[in-house]
Amino acid sequence: MVAASHESDPLIQFLNVLQPLSAELIDEARKETFKIFVRKNNILPSFAELVKDGCLFFVAKGLVRAFVVDDGKDITTWLTDENDFIGNIRNPGTFKPTFEEQYQALEDSELLVLPYRVIDDMYTLFPEANVLARKLLAIQYHMSQERSILSRIPSAEARYKQFKIGHPTIKSRVPLKFLASYLGMRIETLSRIRKKAKMDASPED
């Protein structure tokens, strides 16, 4: 494991667990990634603002939500905390999404910026980068499946229970209104479910 001595090391350590990285790839990542700080409740800069051809963010510290606005209504589409990527998975075709996701820090957050250009260069220069990309894609696909299944559970109480199981580290960190939006229920419904869950919970829940 790489010693934590560089601002990009949280990303390198995370990737190195998935796939051993060469010293050359690590050096490249350290040269090309950089950190930004986003205050609680602030909207993250757009990818184009930071890097000409776009980028991904890696959450080194904090909590971030993605959201879209439909007819004036703010809808939380997903939530993530440390050791995860946020951003759009590029489509090799010309498909453009109907809704453009935005990203908001729900806590003071530290994010590492990984330009798409650097990602493409790594695919070419380092064979292990392609193995790593397949593993990351599998993780992101699994998470997408989980979100899709969660949104289709008819019972609001069951959706909240499944969320707690799938997101044990952030279940108490997300503001009520954003969690209710993510779970597709009214704030009053979520408050009632959480109150009932606390009453029924064991001491260690």
N, C-alpha and C. Protein backbone atom coordinates (compact mmCIF):
# COMPACT_ATOMS: atom_id res chain seq x y z
N MET A 1 0.83 -1.19 0.00
CA MET A 1 0.00 0.00 0.00
C MET A 1 0.87 1.24 0.00
N VAL A 2 0.44 2.27 -0.72
CA VAL A 2 1.22 3.49 -0.83
C VAL A 2 1.03 4.34 0.42
N ALA A 3 2.10 4.87 0.96
CA ALA A 3 2.01 5.73 2.14
C ALA A 3 1.28 7.01 1.79
N ALA A 4 0.47 7.51 2.73
CA ALA A 4 -0.32 8.71 2.49
C ALA A 4 0.55 9.95 2.65
N SER A 5 1.16 10.42 1.55
CA SER A 5 2.07 11.56 1.61
C SER A 5 1.79 12.56 0.49
N HIS A 6 0.75 12.34 -0.27
CA HIS A 6 0.41 13.20 -1.40
C HIS A 6 -1.09 13.39 -1.41
N GLU A 7 -1.58 14.53 -1.89
CA GLU A 7 -3.01 14.80 -1.84
C GLU A 7 -3.84 13.81 -2.64
N SER A 8 -3.24 13.16 -3.64
CA SER A 8 -3.97 12.19 -4.46
C SER A 8 -3.94 10.78 -3.88
N ASP A 9 -3.26 10.57 -2.76
CA ASP A 9 -3.08 9.23 -2.24
C ASP A 9 -4.38 8.52 -1.80
N PRO A 10 -5.41 9.24 -1.31
CA PRO A 10 -6.67 8.52 -1.04
C PRO A 10 -7.21 7.81 -2.28
N LEU A 11 -7.11 8.46 -3.43
CA LEU A 11 -7.53 7.84 -4.70
C LEU A 11 -6.63 6.67 -5.04
N ILE A 12 -5.33 6.85 -4.93
CA ILE A 12 -4.38 5.79 -5.28
C ILE A 12 -4.57 4.58 -4.39
N GLN A 13 -4.76 4.81 -3.10
CA GLN A 13 -4.96 3.71 -2.18
C GLN A 13 -6.23 2.94 -2.51
N PHE A 14 -7.30 3.67 -2.83
CA PHE A 14 -8.56 3.02 -3.20
C PHE A 14 -8.39 2.16 -4.44
N LEU A 15 -7.73 2.70 -5.46
CA LEU A 15 -7.54 1.96 -6.71
C LEU A 15 -6.59 0.78 -6.52
N ASN A 16 -5.58 0.97 -5.69
CA ASN A 16 -4.57 -0.07 -5.51
C ASN A 16 -5.14 -1.31 -4.85
N VAL A 17 -6.20 -1.13 -4.07
CA VAL A 17 -6.88 -2.29 -3.47
C VAL A 17 -7.61 -3.09 -4.54
N LEU A 18 -8.20 -2.38 -5.50
CA LEU A 18 -8.93 -3.06 -6.58
C LEU A 18 -7.99 -3.75 -7.56
N GLN A 19 -6.88 -3.09 -7.85
CA GLN A 19 -5.94 -3.60 -8.85
C GLN A 19 -4.55 -3.02 -8.55
N PRO A 20 -3.55 -3.88 -8.30
CA PRO A 20 -2.21 -3.35 -8.03
C PRO A 20 -1.73 -2.42 -9.14
N LEU A 21 -1.21 -1.27 -8.74
CA LEU A 21 -0.81 -0.24 -9.68
C LEU A 21 0.71 -0.19 -9.80
N SER A 22 1.18 0.08 -11.00
CA SER A 22 2.61 0.24 -11.20
C SER A 22 3.07 1.58 -10.65
N ALA A 23 4.36 1.67 -10.34
CA ALA A 23 4.91 2.93 -9.83
C ALA A 23 4.76 4.03 -10.86
N GLU A 24 4.85 3.68 -12.14
CA GLU A 24 4.73 4.68 -13.20
C GLU A 24 3.30 5.26 -13.25
N LEU A 25 2.30 4.40 -13.10
CA LEU A 25 0.92 4.88 -13.11
C LEU A 25 0.66 5.78 -11.89
N ILE A 26 1.19 5.38 -10.74
CA ILE A 26 1.02 6.18 -9.54
C ILE A 26 1.64 7.56 -9.71
N ASP A 27 2.84 7.60 -10.29
CA ASP A 27 3.49 8.89 -10.53
C ASP A 27 2.65 9.77 -11.45
N GLU A 28 2.09 9.16 -12.48
CA GLU A 28 1.26 9.91 -13.44
C GLU A 28 0.02 10.47 -12.75
N ALA A 29 -0.61 9.64 -11.92
CA ALA A 29 -1.81 10.07 -11.21
C ALA A 29 -1.50 11.23 -10.27
N ARG A 30 -0.37 11.15 -9.60
CA ARG A 30 0.01 12.23 -8.69
C ARG A 30 0.27 13.54 -9.44
N LYS A 31 0.80 13.44 -10.63
CA LYS A 31 1.10 14.64 -11.40
C LYS A 31 -0.17 15.29 -11.96
N GLU A 32 -1.15 14.48 -12.33
CA GLU A 32 -2.27 14.97 -13.12
C GLU A 32 -3.56 15.21 -12.33
N THR A 33 -3.67 14.70 -11.11
CA THR A 33 -4.87 14.95 -10.32
C THR A 33 -4.63 16.12 -9.38
N PHE A 34 -5.71 16.78 -9.01
CA PHE A 34 -5.59 17.88 -8.05
C PHE A 34 -6.84 17.93 -7.18
N LYS A 35 -6.70 18.56 -6.02
CA LYS A 35 -7.76 18.57 -5.03
C LYS A 35 -8.50 19.90 -5.05
N ILE A 36 -9.83 19.81 -4.82
CA ILE A 36 -10.62 21.01 -4.60
C ILE A 36 -11.40 20.83 -3.29
N PHE A 37 -11.75 21.94 -2.68
CA PHE A 37 -12.53 21.94 -1.45
C PHE A 37 -13.87 22.61 -1.73
N VAL A 38 -14.94 21.98 -1.27
CA VAL A 38 -16.29 22.53 -1.48
C VAL A 38 -16.98 22.60 -0.13
N ARG A 39 -17.46 23.79 0.20
CA ARG A 39 -18.13 23.99 1.47
C ARG A 39 -19.52 23.34 1.49
N LYS A 40 -19.97 23.01 2.68
CA LYS A 40 -21.28 22.41 2.88
C LYS A 40 -22.36 23.26 2.20
N ASN A 41 -23.25 22.57 1.50
CA ASN A 41 -24.40 23.14 0.78
C ASN A 41 -24.04 23.83 -0.54
N ASN A 42 -22.76 23.96 -0.86
CA ASN A 42 -22.39 24.58 -2.13
C ASN A 42 -22.50 23.60 -3.28
N ILE A 43 -22.79 24.14 -4.46
CA ILE A 43 -22.84 23.33 -5.68
C ILE A 43 -21.43 23.16 -6.20
N LEU A 44 -21.08 21.94 -6.61
CA LEU A 44 -19.75 21.69 -7.16
C LEU A 44 -19.59 22.41 -8.48
N PRO A 45 -18.37 22.84 -8.80
CA PRO A 45 -18.14 23.44 -10.12
C PRO A 45 -18.49 22.43 -11.22
N SER A 46 -18.90 22.93 -12.36
CA SER A 46 -19.16 22.03 -13.48
C SER A 46 -17.83 21.44 -13.96
N PHE A 47 -17.91 20.26 -14.56
CA PHE A 47 -16.70 19.60 -15.04
C PHE A 47 -15.94 20.48 -16.03
N ALA A 48 -16.70 21.15 -16.88
CA ALA A 48 -16.07 21.99 -17.92
C ALA A 48 -15.37 23.21 -17.31
N GLU A 49 -15.85 23.68 -16.16
CA GLU A 49 -15.21 24.82 -15.50
C GLU A 49 -13.80 24.46 -15.03
N LEU A 50 -13.63 23.20 -14.61
CA LEU A 50 -12.36 22.78 -14.03
C LEU A 50 -11.39 22.26 -15.09
N VAL A 51 -11.91 21.48 -16.02
CA VAL A 51 -11.06 20.84 -17.03
C VAL A 51 -11.75 20.97 -18.38
N LYS A 52 -11.03 21.37 -19.37
CA LYS A 52 -11.60 21.66 -20.69
C LYS A 52 -12.44 20.51 -21.22
N ASP A 53 -11.91 19.29 -21.19
CA ASP A 53 -12.61 18.15 -21.78
C ASP A 53 -13.38 17.32 -20.77
N GLY A 54 -13.57 17.86 -19.57
CA GLY A 54 -14.36 17.15 -18.57
C GLY A 54 -13.52 16.30 -17.63
N CYS A 55 -14.17 15.79 -16.59
CA CYS A 55 -13.44 15.05 -15.57
C CYS A 55 -14.39 14.24 -14.71
N LEU A 56 -13.80 13.43 -13.84
CA LEU A 56 -14.52 12.76 -12.77
C LEU A 56 -14.05 13.34 -11.45
N PHE A 57 -14.90 13.26 -10.43
CA PHE A 57 -14.50 13.60 -9.07
C PHE A 57 -14.38 12.33 -8.24
N PHE A 58 -13.40 12.30 -7.36
CA PHE A 58 -13.27 11.23 -6.37
C PHE A 58 -13.46 11.87 -5.00
N VAL A 59 -14.40 11.35 -4.22
CA VAL A 59 -14.69 11.92 -2.91
C VAL A 59 -13.66 11.41 -1.90
N ALA A 60 -12.72 12.27 -1.55
CA ALA A 60 -11.72 11.91 -0.55
C ALA A 60 -12.26 12.09 0.86
N LYS A 61 -13.11 13.10 1.03
CA LYS A 61 -13.72 13.37 2.33
C LYS A 61 -15.02 14.11 2.11
N GLY A 62 -16.08 13.70 2.83
CA GLY A 62 -17.33 14.43 2.75
C GLY A 62 -18.48 13.61 2.22
N LEU A 63 -19.54 14.32 1.85
CA LEU A 63 -20.79 13.70 1.40
C LEU A 63 -21.36 14.56 0.28
N VAL A 64 -21.75 13.90 -0.81
CA VAL A 64 -22.22 14.63 -2.00
C VAL A 64 -23.50 13.99 -2.50
N ARG A 65 -24.40 14.81 -3.00
CA ARG A 65 -25.60 14.30 -3.66
C ARG A 65 -25.61 14.76 -5.11
N ALA A 66 -26.22 13.96 -5.97
CA ALA A 66 -26.50 14.36 -7.34
C ALA A 66 -27.98 14.68 -7.42
N PHE A 67 -28.34 15.66 -8.24
CA PHE A 67 -29.74 16.01 -8.36
C PHE A 67 -30.03 16.58 -9.75
N VAL A 68 -31.31 16.49 -10.12
CA VAL A 68 -31.79 17.13 -11.34
C VAL A 68 -32.96 18.02 -10.96
N VAL A 69 -33.26 18.97 -11.83
CA VAL A 69 -34.40 19.85 -11.62
C VAL A 69 -35.39 19.62 -12.74
N ASP A 70 -36.60 19.22 -12.37
CA ASP A 70 -37.66 18.93 -13.35
C ASP A 70 -38.86 19.82 -13.03
N ASP A 71 -39.16 20.73 -13.95
CA ASP A 71 -40.29 21.64 -13.78
C ASP A 71 -40.21 22.36 -12.44
N GLY A 72 -39.01 22.78 -12.08
CA GLY A 72 -38.81 23.53 -10.85
C GLY A 72 -38.66 22.67 -9.60
N LYS A 73 -38.79 21.37 -9.74
CA LYS A 73 -38.69 20.47 -8.58
C LYS A 73 -37.30 19.85 -8.51
N ASP A 74 -36.69 19.96 -7.35
CA ASP A 74 -35.36 19.41 -7.09
C ASP A 74 -35.50 17.94 -6.71
N ILE A 75 -34.86 17.05 -7.48
CA ILE A 75 -34.98 15.60 -7.24
C ILE A 75 -33.58 15.02 -7.02
N THR A 76 -33.34 14.46 -5.84
CA THR A 76 -32.06 13.83 -5.54
C THR A 76 -32.00 12.47 -6.23
N THR A 77 -30.97 12.26 -7.03
CA THR A 77 -30.86 11.03 -7.81
C THR A 77 -29.91 10.01 -7.20
N TRP A 78 -28.90 10.47 -6.48
CA TRP A 78 -28.07 9.55 -5.73
C TRP A 78 -27.22 10.28 -4.71
N LEU A 79 -26.66 9.47 -3.78
CA LEU A 79 -25.90 10.00 -2.65
C LEU A 79 -24.61 9.20 -2.53
N THR A 80 -23.52 9.87 -2.18
CA THR A 80 -22.28 9.12 -2.01
C THR A 80 -21.37 9.84 -1.04
N ASP A 81 -20.50 9.05 -0.40
CA ASP A 81 -19.54 9.63 0.54
C ASP A 81 -18.14 9.22 0.14
N GLU A 82 -17.26 9.06 1.12
CA GLU A 82 -15.85 8.84 0.84
C GLU A 82 -15.59 7.58 0.00
N ASN A 83 -14.51 7.64 -0.75
CA ASN A 83 -14.03 6.52 -1.57
C ASN A 83 -15.02 6.12 -2.66
N ASP A 84 -15.52 7.11 -3.35
CA ASP A 84 -16.39 6.82 -4.49
C ASP A 84 -16.21 7.93 -5.53
N PHE A 85 -16.52 7.59 -6.77
CA PHE A 85 -16.46 8.55 -7.87
C PHE A 85 -17.82 9.18 -8.10
N ILE A 86 -17.82 10.40 -8.54
CA ILE A 86 -19.05 11.04 -9.01
C ILE A 86 -18.76 11.68 -10.36
N GLY A 87 -19.78 11.68 -11.20
CA GLY A 87 -19.61 12.22 -12.54
C GLY A 87 -20.31 11.34 -13.55
N ASN A 88 -20.28 11.77 -14.78
CA ASN A 88 -20.95 11.05 -15.85
C ASN A 88 -20.03 10.01 -16.48
N ILE A 89 -20.54 8.78 -16.63
CA ILE A 89 -19.83 7.78 -17.41
C ILE A 89 -20.03 8.12 -18.87
N ARG A 90 -18.96 8.37 -19.59
CA ARG A 90 -19.08 8.84 -20.97
C ARG A 90 -19.65 7.76 -21.88
N ASN A 91 -20.57 8.19 -22.72
CA ASN A 91 -21.15 7.31 -23.73
C ASN A 91 -20.34 7.47 -25.02
N PRO A 92 -19.84 6.37 -25.61
CA PRO A 92 -19.03 6.51 -26.83
C PRO A 92 -19.84 6.98 -28.03
N GLY A 93 -21.17 6.91 -27.92
CA GLY A 93 -22.02 7.41 -28.99
C GLY A 93 -22.33 8.88 -28.81
N THR A 94 -23.43 9.32 -29.34
CA THR A 94 -23.79 10.74 -29.30
C THR A 94 -24.95 11.01 -28.35
N PHE A 95 -25.37 9.99 -27.59
CA PHE A 95 -26.52 10.15 -26.70
C PHE A 95 -26.27 11.25 -25.67
N LYS A 96 -27.22 12.16 -25.56
CA LYS A 96 -27.13 13.22 -24.56
C LYS A 96 -28.29 13.05 -23.59
N PRO A 97 -28.02 13.03 -22.26
CA PRO A 97 -29.09 12.81 -21.29
C PRO A 97 -30.13 13.91 -21.32
N THR A 98 -31.39 13.55 -21.02
CA THR A 98 -32.47 14.53 -20.98
C THR A 98 -32.25 15.53 -19.86
N PHE A 99 -31.77 15.03 -18.72
CA PHE A 99 -31.52 15.87 -17.56
C PHE A 99 -30.03 15.90 -17.25
N GLU A 100 -29.51 17.09 -17.02
CA GLU A 100 -28.12 17.24 -16.63
C GLU A 100 -28.04 17.21 -15.11
N GLU A 101 -27.31 16.24 -14.57
CA GLU A 101 -27.17 16.17 -13.12
C GLU A 101 -26.25 17.28 -12.62
N GLN A 102 -26.59 17.79 -11.46
CA GLN A 102 -25.72 18.71 -10.74
C GLN A 102 -25.31 18.02 -9.44
N TYR A 103 -24.29 18.58 -8.79
CA TYR A 103 -23.75 17.94 -7.59
C TYR A 103 -23.61 18.97 -6.48
N GLN A 104 -24.03 18.57 -5.28
CA GLN A 104 -24.01 19.47 -4.13
C GLN A 104 -23.32 18.78 -2.95
N ALA A 105 -22.44 19.51 -2.30
CA ALA A 105 -21.79 18.99 -1.09
C ALA A 105 -22.75 19.11 0.09
N LEU A 106 -22.99 18.02 0.77
CA LEU A 106 -23.86 18.04 1.95
C LEU A 106 -23.06 18.17 3.24
N GLU A 107 -21.75 18.09 3.11
CA GLU A 107 -20.80 18.36 4.19
C GLU A 107 -19.62 19.09 3.56
N ASP A 108 -18.79 19.72 4.37
CA ASP A 108 -17.53 20.23 3.84
C ASP A 108 -16.79 19.06 3.21
N SER A 109 -16.41 19.18 1.96
CA SER A 109 -15.91 18.02 1.21
C SER A 109 -14.59 18.32 0.50
N GLU A 110 -13.76 17.28 0.42
CA GLU A 110 -12.52 17.33 -0.34
C GLU A 110 -12.65 16.37 -1.52
N LEU A 111 -12.43 16.87 -2.72
CA LEU A 111 -12.62 16.09 -3.93
C LEU A 111 -11.36 16.13 -4.78
N LEU A 112 -11.00 14.99 -5.33
CA LEU A 112 -9.88 14.91 -6.26
C LEU A 112 -10.44 14.94 -7.68
N VAL A 113 -9.83 15.76 -8.51
CA VAL A 113 -10.27 15.92 -9.89
C VAL A 113 -9.39 15.07 -10.80
N LEU A 114 -10.04 14.19 -11.57
CA LEU A 114 -9.34 13.29 -12.48
C LEU A 114 -9.82 13.59 -13.90
N PRO A 115 -9.05 14.32 -14.70
CA PRO A 115 -9.49 14.69 -16.06
C PRO A 115 -9.69 13.46 -16.95
N TYR A 116 -10.69 13.52 -17.82
CA TYR A 116 -10.91 12.43 -18.77
C TYR A 116 -9.68 12.21 -19.65
N ARG A 117 -9.01 13.28 -19.99
CA ARG A 117 -7.81 13.16 -20.83
C ARG A 117 -6.77 12.25 -20.17
N VAL A 118 -6.60 12.40 -18.87
CA VAL A 118 -5.64 11.58 -18.13
C VAL A 118 -6.10 10.12 -18.12
N ILE A 119 -7.40 9.92 -17.92
CA ILE A 119 -7.94 8.55 -17.93
C ILE A 119 -7.65 7.87 -19.27
N ASP A 120 -7.89 8.59 -20.36
CA ASP A 120 -7.65 8.02 -21.69
C ASP A 120 -6.17 7.70 -21.90
N ASP A 121 -5.30 8.60 -21.43
CA ASP A 121 -3.86 8.36 -21.56
C ASP A 121 -3.44 7.12 -20.78
N MET A 122 -4.02 6.92 -19.60
CA MET A 122 -3.66 5.77 -18.78
C MET A 122 -4.08 4.46 -19.44
N TYR A 123 -5.23 4.47 -20.13
CA TYR A 123 -5.65 3.27 -20.86
C TYR A 123 -4.60 2.87 -21.88
N THR A 124 -4.00 3.86 -22.51
CA THR A 124 -3.02 3.60 -23.56
C THR A 124 -1.66 3.19 -23.00
N LEU A 125 -1.26 3.84 -21.92
CA LEU A 125 0.10 3.66 -21.41
C LEU A 125 0.25 2.51 -20.42
N PHE A 126 -0.82 2.18 -19.69
CA PHE A 126 -0.69 1.23 -18.59
C PHE A 126 -1.74 0.12 -18.71
N PRO A 127 -1.32 -1.11 -19.00
CA PRO A 127 -2.28 -2.21 -19.16
C PRO A 127 -3.19 -2.41 -17.95
N GLU A 128 -2.66 -2.20 -16.74
CA GLU A 128 -3.49 -2.44 -15.55
C GLU A 128 -4.65 -1.44 -15.45
N ALA A 129 -4.51 -0.31 -16.15
CA ALA A 129 -5.60 0.68 -16.11
C ALA A 129 -6.86 0.13 -16.76
N ASN A 130 -6.70 -0.70 -17.78
CA ASN A 130 -7.87 -1.28 -18.44
C ASN A 130 -8.56 -2.32 -17.56
N VAL A 131 -7.77 -3.10 -16.83
CA VAL A 131 -8.35 -4.05 -15.86
C VAL A 131 -9.08 -3.28 -14.77
N LEU A 132 -8.45 -2.24 -14.28
CA LEU A 132 -9.04 -1.41 -13.24
C LEU A 132 -10.36 -0.79 -13.72
N ALA A 133 -10.38 -0.31 -14.94
CA ALA A 133 -11.59 0.31 -15.49
C ALA A 133 -12.75 -0.68 -15.53
N ARG A 134 -12.47 -1.93 -15.89
CA ARG A 134 -13.54 -2.93 -15.92
C ARG A 134 -14.09 -3.19 -14.53
N LYS A 135 -13.22 -3.22 -13.54
CA LYS A 135 -13.67 -3.45 -12.16
C LYS A 135 -14.50 -2.26 -11.66
N LEU A 136 -14.05 -1.05 -11.97
CA LEU A 136 -14.80 0.13 -11.56
C LEU A 136 -16.15 0.20 -12.26
N LEU A 137 -16.18 -0.17 -13.54
CA LEU A 137 -17.44 -0.17 -14.26
C LEU A 137 -18.41 -1.17 -13.66
N ALA A 138 -17.90 -2.34 -13.25
CA ALA A 138 -18.75 -3.34 -12.62
C ALA A 138 -19.33 -2.82 -11.31
N ILE A 139 -18.51 -2.10 -10.54
CA ILE A 139 -18.99 -1.52 -9.28
C ILE A 139 -20.07 -0.49 -9.55
N GLN A 140 -19.83 0.39 -10.52
CA GLN A 140 -20.81 1.42 -10.83
C GLN A 140 -22.11 0.83 -11.38
N TYR A 141 -21.98 -0.23 -12.17
CA TYR A 141 -23.18 -0.89 -12.71
C TYR A 141 -23.99 -1.51 -11.58
N HIS A 142 -23.29 -2.15 -10.64
CA HIS A 142 -23.98 -2.75 -9.49
C HIS A 142 -24.72 -1.67 -8.69
N MET A 143 -24.05 -0.55 -8.46
CA MET A 143 -24.69 0.53 -7.70
C MET A 143 -25.90 1.08 -8.45
N SER A 144 -25.79 1.16 -9.76
CA SER A 144 -26.92 1.62 -10.57
C SER A 144 -28.10 0.65 -10.46
N GLN A 145 -27.80 -0.64 -10.47
CA GLN A 145 -28.85 -1.64 -10.28
C GLN A 145 -29.53 -1.49 -8.93
N GLU A 146 -28.72 -1.27 -7.89
CA GLU A 146 -29.27 -1.10 -6.54
C GLU A 146 -30.21 0.11 -6.50
N ARG A 147 -29.82 1.22 -7.11
CA ARG A 147 -30.67 2.41 -7.12
C ARG A 147 -31.95 2.14 -7.89
N SER A 148 -31.84 1.40 -9.00
CA SER A 148 -33.02 1.09 -9.80
C SER A 148 -34.00 0.22 -9.02
N ILE A 149 -33.48 -0.79 -8.34
CA ILE A 149 -34.34 -1.67 -7.54
C ILE A 149 -34.98 -0.90 -6.40
N LEU A 150 -34.17 -0.07 -5.72
CA LEU A 150 -34.68 0.70 -4.59
C LEU A 150 -35.86 1.57 -5.00
N SER A 151 -35.76 2.19 -6.19
CA SER A 151 -36.82 3.10 -6.63
C SER A 151 -38.12 2.37 -6.97
N ARG A 152 -38.04 1.04 -7.16
CA ARG A 152 -39.22 0.27 -7.56
C ARG A 152 -39.88 -0.49 -6.42
N ILE A 153 -39.31 -0.44 -5.23
CA ILE A 153 -39.93 -1.08 -4.08
C ILE A 153 -41.18 -0.28 -3.70
N PRO A 154 -42.36 -0.89 -3.73
CA PRO A 154 -43.60 -0.11 -3.53
C PRO A 154 -43.77 0.44 -2.12
N SER A 155 -43.28 -0.24 -1.11
CA SER A 155 -43.47 0.17 0.27
C SER A 155 -42.43 1.21 0.67
N ALA A 156 -42.89 2.36 1.14
CA ALA A 156 -41.96 3.41 1.59
C ALA A 156 -41.10 2.92 2.74
N GLU A 157 -41.70 2.19 3.67
CA GLU A 157 -40.95 1.67 4.81
C GLU A 157 -39.88 0.68 4.36
N ALA A 158 -40.21 -0.15 3.37
CA ALA A 158 -39.24 -1.12 2.85
C ALA A 158 -38.10 -0.41 2.12
N ARG A 159 -38.41 0.68 1.42
CA ARG A 159 -37.37 1.44 0.73
C ARG A 159 -36.38 2.03 1.73
N TYR A 160 -36.92 2.57 2.82
CA TYR A 160 -36.03 3.14 3.84
C TYR A 160 -35.18 2.05 4.49
N LYS A 161 -35.77 0.92 4.77
CA LYS A 161 -35.03 -0.19 5.37
C LYS A 161 -33.90 -0.65 4.45
N GLN A 162 -34.19 -0.76 3.15
CA GLN A 162 -33.18 -1.19 2.19
C GLN A 162 -32.08 -0.14 2.06
N PHE A 163 -32.45 1.13 2.13
CA PHE A 163 -31.44 2.19 2.08
C PHE A 163 -30.48 2.08 3.26
N LYS A 164 -31.00 1.85 4.43
CA LYS A 164 -30.15 1.73 5.63
C LYS A 164 -29.18 0.56 5.49
N ILE A 165 -29.65 -0.53 4.90
CA ILE A 165 -28.78 -1.69 4.70
C ILE A 165 -27.68 -1.38 3.68
N GLY A 166 -28.06 -0.71 2.60
CA GLY A 166 -27.11 -0.44 1.53
C GLY A 166 -26.18 0.73 1.79
N HIS A 167 -26.56 1.61 2.71
CA HIS A 167 -25.77 2.82 2.96
C HIS A 167 -25.57 3.03 4.46
N PRO A 168 -24.93 2.09 5.12
CA PRO A 168 -24.80 2.19 6.58
C PRO A 168 -23.98 3.38 7.05
N THR A 169 -23.07 3.88 6.22
CA THR A 169 -22.19 4.96 6.67
C THR A 169 -22.80 6.35 6.49
N ILE A 170 -23.89 6.47 5.72
CA ILE A 170 -24.43 7.80 5.47
C ILE A 170 -25.90 7.94 5.88
N LYS A 171 -26.49 6.89 6.44
CA LYS A 171 -27.92 6.92 6.73
C LYS A 171 -28.32 8.05 7.68
N SER A 172 -27.41 8.46 8.57
CA SER A 172 -27.72 9.53 9.52
C SER A 172 -27.07 10.86 9.15
N ARG A 173 -26.39 10.92 8.01
CA ARG A 173 -25.67 12.13 7.60
C ARG A 173 -26.43 12.96 6.57
N VAL A 174 -27.41 12.36 5.92
CA VAL A 174 -28.13 13.04 4.85
C VAL A 174 -29.30 13.83 5.42
N PRO A 175 -29.42 15.14 5.12
CA PRO A 175 -30.58 15.91 5.58
C PRO A 175 -31.89 15.26 5.15
N LEU A 176 -32.89 15.40 5.99
CA LEU A 176 -34.16 14.71 5.81
C LEU A 176 -34.79 14.99 4.44
N LYS A 177 -34.77 16.25 4.01
CA LYS A 177 -35.46 16.59 2.76
C LYS A 177 -34.81 15.93 1.55
N PHE A 178 -33.47 15.79 1.59
CA PHE A 178 -32.79 15.17 0.46
C PHE A 178 -32.96 13.66 0.48
N LEU A 179 -32.97 13.09 1.67
CA LEU A 179 -33.19 11.64 1.77
C LEU A 179 -34.61 11.29 1.34
N ALA A 180 -35.57 12.10 1.73
CA ALA A 180 -36.95 11.86 1.31
C ALA A 180 -37.08 11.95 -0.21
N SER A 181 -36.42 12.94 -0.80
CA SER A 181 -36.45 13.08 -2.25
C SER A 181 -35.83 11.86 -2.92
N TYR A 182 -34.68 11.42 -2.41
CA TYR A 182 -33.99 10.26 -2.99
C TYR A 182 -34.86 9.01 -2.91
N LEU A 183 -35.58 8.85 -1.80
CA LEU A 183 -36.40 7.65 -1.59
C LEU A 183 -37.80 7.79 -2.19
N GLY A 184 -38.10 8.93 -2.77
CA GLY A 184 -39.39 9.10 -3.44
C GLY A 184 -40.57 9.12 -2.49
N MET A 185 -40.43 9.87 -1.39
CA MET A 185 -41.53 9.97 -0.43
C MET A 185 -41.57 11.37 0.16
N ARG A 186 -42.66 11.70 0.83
CA ARG A 186 -42.79 12.99 1.49
C ARG A 186 -41.93 13.02 2.75
N ILE A 187 -41.52 14.21 3.14
CA ILE A 187 -40.73 14.37 4.35
C ILE A 187 -41.49 13.84 5.57
N GLU A 188 -42.80 14.10 5.60
CA GLU A 188 -43.61 13.65 6.74
C GLU A 188 -43.62 12.12 6.82
N THR A 189 -43.68 11.48 5.65
CA THR A 189 -43.68 10.01 5.63
C THR A 189 -42.36 9.47 6.15
N LEU A 190 -41.26 10.05 5.69
CA LEU A 190 -39.94 9.61 6.13
C LEU A 190 -39.77 9.84 7.63
N SER A 191 -40.22 10.98 8.14
CA SER A 191 -40.11 11.26 9.57
C SER A 191 -40.86 10.22 10.38
N ARG A 192 -42.04 9.86 9.93
CA ARG A 192 -42.84 8.85 10.63
C ARG A 192 -42.15 7.48 10.61
N ILE A 193 -41.59 7.12 9.45
CA ILE A 193 -40.91 5.83 9.32
C ILE A 193 -39.68 5.78 10.22
N ARG A 194 -38.91 6.87 10.23
CA ARG A 194 -37.69 6.90 11.06
C ARG A 194 -38.04 6.86 12.55
N LYS A 195 -39.10 7.54 12.93
CA LYS A 195 -39.52 7.51 14.33
C LYS A 195 -39.92 6.10 14.74
N LYS A 196 -40.66 5.43 13.86
CA LYS A 196 -41.07 4.05 14.15
C LYS A 196 -39.86 3.13 14.21
N ALA A 197 -38.90 3.34 13.28
CA ALA A 197 -37.70 2.50 13.24
C ALA A 197 -36.89 2.65 14.52
N LYS A 198 -36.81 3.87 15.05
CA LYS A 198 -36.07 4.09 16.29
C LYS A 198 -36.75 3.41 17.47
N MET A 199 -38.06 3.44 17.47
CA MET A 199 -38.81 2.80 18.56
C MET A 199 -38.65 1.29 18.53
N ASP A 200 -38.58 0.75 17.31
CA ASP A 200 -38.48 -0.71 17.16
C ASP A 200 -37.04 -1.21 17.20
N ALA A 201 -36.07 -0.29 17.08
CA ALA A 201 -34.69 -0.70 16.90
C ALA A 201 -34.09 -1.27 18.17
N SER A 202 -33.11 -2.15 17.97
CA SER A 202 -32.30 -2.64 19.07
C SER A 202 -31.31 -1.55 19.43
N PRO A 203 -30.66 -1.61 20.60
CA PRO A 203 -29.72 -0.55 21.01
C PRO A 203 -28.59 -0.32 20.04
N GLU A 204 -28.16 -1.35 19.30
CA GLU A 204 -27.02 -1.18 18.41
C GLU A 204 -27.43 -0.74 17.03
N ASP A 205 -28.71 -0.54 16.73
CA ASP A 205 -29.14 -0.14 15.38
C ASP A 205 -28.75 1.30 15.09
